């Protein structure tokens, strides 16, 4: 069972890297960055949240800096997105709405994957009972890379503005923690919680749901 769960963690990690690298690369292309910018923002989106989590937990330097398979996977994924947009420029630019929808889907998947992964890693660091810390680290892992990316390209971070973004992560993290405390098998708890995050994000996007905010005068 341990080996099986290790396999689940591995798949979640890889899927999250790919999803966030695609999201970061697409946003970089939209903001007009060059090849280096696309790769860098893809890498930051994919791994920045994990670096922030490890730093806050005192695990420095972050293990992400030594995880060369993940680094290579992120760089290759971002490069493929750039090549596709570069070689199919007219098609890419004429389908911006569809591309934004794809970006939203893969970003939501990445948010779910890494939010739950962040909770799991925080538990593995020895913090199993502090509910606030577990949820905070989950949200930071899921949204931290995107937060850094958006600040770099001078966008209002998605975590503060995009269709129930952080709330979806929080609910997913809480679902995961409570399922584990209810003695649900870890792999099942992780899968259900990830799907919960993605479902909330998709419903919020389709229904155009947002948290209340004060509109500009």
Protein backbone atom coordinates (compact mmCIF):
# COMPACT_ATOMS: atom_id res chain seq x y z
CA UNK A 1 0.00 0.00 0.00
CA UNK A 2 2.90 2.37 0.73
CA UNK A 3 4.35 1.73 -2.71
CA UNK A 4 0.93 2.35 -4.25
CA UNK A 5 0.61 5.66 -2.43
CA UNK A 6 4.13 6.66 -3.49
CA UNK A 7 3.02 6.06 -7.06
CA UNK A 8 -0.01 8.32 -6.52
CA UNK A 9 2.23 11.07 -5.13
CA UNK A 10 4.57 10.73 -8.10
CA UNK A 11 1.72 10.99 -10.62
CA UNK A 12 0.19 13.98 -8.79
CA UNK A 13 3.56 15.75 -8.75
CA UNK A 14 4.20 15.16 -12.46
CA UNK A 15 0.67 16.14 -13.47
CA UNK A 16 0.89 19.33 -11.42
CA UNK A 17 4.21 20.29 -13.00
CA UNK A 18 2.81 19.82 -16.52
CA UNK A 19 -0.46 21.64 -15.78
CA UNK A 20 1.15 24.68 -14.17
CA UNK A 21 3.95 24.84 -16.76
CA UNK A 22 1.34 25.00 -19.52
CA UNK A 23 -0.60 27.66 -17.62
CA UNK A 24 2.49 29.76 -16.94
CA UNK A 25 3.76 29.47 -20.52
CA UNK A 26 0.39 30.45 -22.00
CA UNK A 27 0.12 33.51 -19.79
CA UNK A 28 3.72 34.46 -20.62
CA UNK A 29 2.90 34.27 -24.34
CA UNK A 30 -0.22 36.37 -23.81
CA UNK A 31 1.88 39.02 -22.04
CA UNK A 32 4.36 39.11 -24.94
CA UNK A 33 7.48 37.66 -23.30
CA UNK A 34 10.26 36.06 -25.32
CA UNK A 35 11.33 32.40 -25.28
CA UNK A 36 13.33 32.78 -22.08
CA UNK A 37 10.40 34.53 -20.40
CA UNK A 38 8.01 31.75 -21.42
CA UNK A 39 10.28 29.05 -20.00
CA UNK A 40 11.05 31.01 -16.83
CA UNK A 41 7.41 31.84 -16.08
CA UNK A 42 6.40 28.26 -16.79
CA UNK A 43 9.07 27.08 -14.35
CA UNK A 44 8.12 29.64 -11.70
CA UNK A 45 4.42 28.80 -11.96
CA UNK A 46 5.15 25.09 -11.64
CA UNK A 47 7.70 25.18 -8.83
CA UNK A 48 7.44 28.55 -7.10
CA UNK A 49 4.69 27.45 -4.70
CA UNK A 50 6.72 24.47 -3.53
CA UNK A 51 9.75 26.69 -2.93
CA UNK A 52 7.66 29.10 -0.85
CA UNK A 53 6.20 26.17 1.15
CA UNK A 54 9.59 24.64 1.88
CA UNK A 55 11.07 28.02 2.84
CA UNK A 56 8.25 28.71 5.31
CA UNK A 57 8.68 25.23 6.77
CA UNK A 58 12.42 25.86 7.22
CA UNK A 59 13.39 23.29 4.58
CA UNK A 60 16.04 25.35 2.83
CA UNK A 61 17.22 25.28 0.19
CA UNK A 62 13.99 23.86 -1.21
CA UNK A 63 14.08 20.32 -2.57
CA UNK A 64 12.67 21.75 -5.82
CA UNK A 65 16.13 23.10 -6.62
CA UNK A 66 17.49 19.55 -6.64
CA UNK A 67 14.57 17.89 -8.41
CA UNK A 68 16.07 17.85 -11.90
CA UNK A 69 13.39 15.58 -13.45
CA UNK A 70 10.71 18.12 -12.47
CA UNK A 71 12.82 21.04 -13.66
CA UNK A 72 13.44 19.36 -17.02
CA UNK A 73 9.77 18.41 -17.35
CA UNK A 74 8.68 21.99 -16.71
CA UNK A 75 11.22 23.47 -19.15
CA UNK A 76 10.31 20.98 -21.90
CA UNK A 77 6.57 21.51 -21.38
CA UNK A 78 6.93 25.31 -21.52
CA UNK A 79 9.16 25.00 -24.60
CA UNK A 80 6.58 22.84 -26.38
CA UNK A 81 3.87 25.42 -25.67
CA UNK A 82 6.10 28.16 -27.09
CA UNK A 83 6.98 26.16 -30.20
CA UNK A 84 3.30 25.42 -30.83
CA UNK A 85 2.35 29.09 -30.48
CA UNK A 86 5.37 30.23 -32.54
CA UNK A 87 4.84 27.83 -35.43
CA UNK A 88 1.05 28.20 -35.41
CA UNK A 89 1.00 31.91 -34.60
CA UNK A 90 -2.07 32.88 -36.64
CA UNK A 91 -4.11 29.98 -35.32
CA UNK A 92 -2.92 30.63 -31.76
CA UNK A 93 -3.77 34.34 -31.86
CA UNK A 94 -7.13 33.81 -33.57
CA UNK A 95 -8.29 31.41 -30.87
CA UNK A 96 -7.49 33.45 -27.77
CA UNK A 97 -10.86 32.71 -26.13
CA UNK A 98 -10.42 28.96 -26.52
CA UNK A 99 -6.82 29.22 -25.33
CA UNK A 100 -7.91 31.15 -22.23
CA UNK A 101 -10.43 28.39 -21.50
CA UNK A 102 -7.70 25.76 -21.84
CA UNK A 103 -5.42 27.83 -19.60
CA UNK A 104 -8.16 28.04 -16.99
CA UNK A 105 -8.76 24.28 -17.06
CA UNK A 106 -5.10 23.30 -16.74
CA UNK A 107 -4.52 25.99 -14.10
CA UNK A 108 -7.47 24.65 -12.10
CA UNK A 109 -6.07 21.13 -12.37
CA UNK A 110 -2.68 22.36 -11.22
CA UNK A 111 -4.27 24.23 -8.33
CA UNK A 112 -6.06 21.10 -7.17
CA UNK A 113 -3.05 18.83 -7.60
CA UNK A 114 -0.56 21.06 -5.82
CA UNK A 115 -2.90 22.27 -3.07
CA UNK A 116 -3.44 18.71 -1.91
CA UNK A 117 0.20 17.84 -2.51
CA UNK A 118 1.18 20.80 -0.32
CA UNK A 119 -0.96 19.55 2.55
CA UNK A 120 0.56 16.09 2.19
CA UNK A 121 4.11 17.46 2.22
CA UNK A 122 3.37 19.60 5.29
CA UNK A 123 2.07 16.51 7.10
CA UNK A 124 5.21 14.65 6.07
CA UNK A 125 7.26 17.47 7.63
CA UNK A 126 5.66 16.63 10.97
CA UNK A 127 2.77 19.08 11.16
CA UNK A 128 -0.28 16.82 11.18
CA UNK A 129 -2.52 18.51 13.74
CA UNK A 130 -2.27 22.24 12.96
CA UNK A 131 -5.28 22.75 10.69
CA UNK A 132 -4.50 26.37 9.80
CA UNK A 133 -0.89 25.58 8.91
CA UNK A 134 -1.89 22.61 6.75
CA UNK A 135 -4.46 24.63 4.80
CA UNK A 136 -2.19 27.67 4.50
CA UNK A 137 0.66 25.57 3.12
CA UNK A 138 -1.71 23.79 0.76
CA UNK A 139 -2.97 27.08 -0.66
CA UNK A 140 0.56 28.46 -0.83
CA UNK A 141 1.79 25.41 -2.71
CA UNK A 142 -1.15 25.56 -5.11
CA UNK A 143 -1.28 29.29 -5.72
CA UNK A 144 2.19 30.56 -4.76
CA UNK A 145 3.82 30.00 -8.15
CA UNK A 146 0.96 31.74 -9.94
CA UNK A 147 1.16 34.59 -7.44
CA UNK A 148 4.85 35.16 -8.25
CA UNK A 149 4.15 34.84 -12.00
CA UNK A 150 1.36 37.40 -11.94
CA UNK A 151 3.45 39.88 -9.94
CA UNK A 152 6.28 39.55 -12.47
CA UNK A 153 4.01 40.29 -15.43
CA UNK A 154 2.18 43.04 -13.49
CA UNK A 155 -1.21 41.33 -13.41
CA UNK A 156 -3.61 41.34 -10.50
CA UNK A 157 -2.87 37.87 -9.04
CA UNK A 158 -5.51 35.26 -9.86
CA UNK A 159 -5.65 34.29 -6.20
CA UNK A 160 -7.17 37.74 -5.48
CA UNK A 161 -9.42 38.15 -8.49
CA UNK A 162 -10.26 35.00 -10.43
CA UNK A 163 -13.57 33.15 -9.95
CA UNK A 164 -13.31 31.64 -6.44
CA UNK A 165 -9.64 30.71 -6.81
CA UNK A 166 -8.23 30.62 -3.29
CA UNK A 167 -11.57 29.47 -1.83
CA UNK A 168 -11.52 26.40 -4.09
CA UNK A 169 -8.03 25.56 -2.82
CA UNK A 170 -9.06 26.03 0.81
CA UNK A 171 -12.12 23.79 0.42
CA UNK A 172 -10.03 21.13 -1.32
CA UNK A 173 -7.42 21.19 1.44
CA UNK A 174 -10.06 20.93 4.17
CA UNK A 175 -11.77 18.09 2.32
CA UNK A 176 -8.47 16.19 2.14
CA UNK A 177 -7.68 16.70 5.82
CA UNK A 178 -11.14 15.68 7.01
CA UNK A 179 -11.22 12.60 4.75
CA UNK A 180 -7.89 11.48 6.20
CA UNK A 181 -9.16 12.04 9.73
CA UNK A 182 -12.19 9.93 8.80
CA UNK A 183 -9.75 7.09 8.01
CA UNK A 184 -10.33 7.25 4.25
CA UNK A 185 -7.48 5.68 2.27
CA UNK A 186 -4.92 8.35 1.35
CA UNK A 187 -4.98 7.89 -2.41
CA UNK A 188 -8.78 8.06 -2.49
CA UNK A 189 -8.83 11.11 -0.22
CA UNK A 190 -6.31 12.85 -2.45
CA UNK A 191 -8.20 12.06 -5.67
CA UNK A 192 -11.57 13.19 -4.28
CA UNK A 193 -10.10 16.43 -2.94
CA UNK A 194 -8.35 17.28 -6.20
CA UNK A 195 -11.58 16.72 -8.13
CA UNK A 196 -13.36 18.92 -5.58
CA UNK A 197 -11.03 21.84 -6.32
CA UNK A 198 -11.37 21.44 -10.09
CA UNK A 199 -15.16 21.11 -9.85
CA UNK A 200 -15.51 24.30 -7.78
CA UNK A 201 -13.26 26.23 -10.17
CA UNK A 202 -15.17 25.01 -13.24
CA UNK A 203 -18.57 25.83 -11.74
CA UNK A 204 -17.36 29.26 -10.65
CA UNK A 205 -15.98 29.94 -14.13
CA UNK A 206 -19.10 28.75 -15.99
CA UNK A 207 -21.45 30.63 -13.64
CA UNK A 208 -19.04 33.61 -13.47
CA UNK A 209 -19.08 33.52 -9.69
CA UNK A 210 -16.80 35.88 -7.80
CA UNK A 211 -16.41 36.96 -4.22
CA UNK A 212 -17.85 40.41 -3.46
CA UNK A 213 -15.53 43.33 -4.10
CA UNK A 214 -15.72 47.11 -4.17
CA UNK A 215 -15.91 48.26 -7.77
CA UNK A 216 -13.69 51.09 -8.95
CA UNK A 217 -15.30 54.52 -9.22
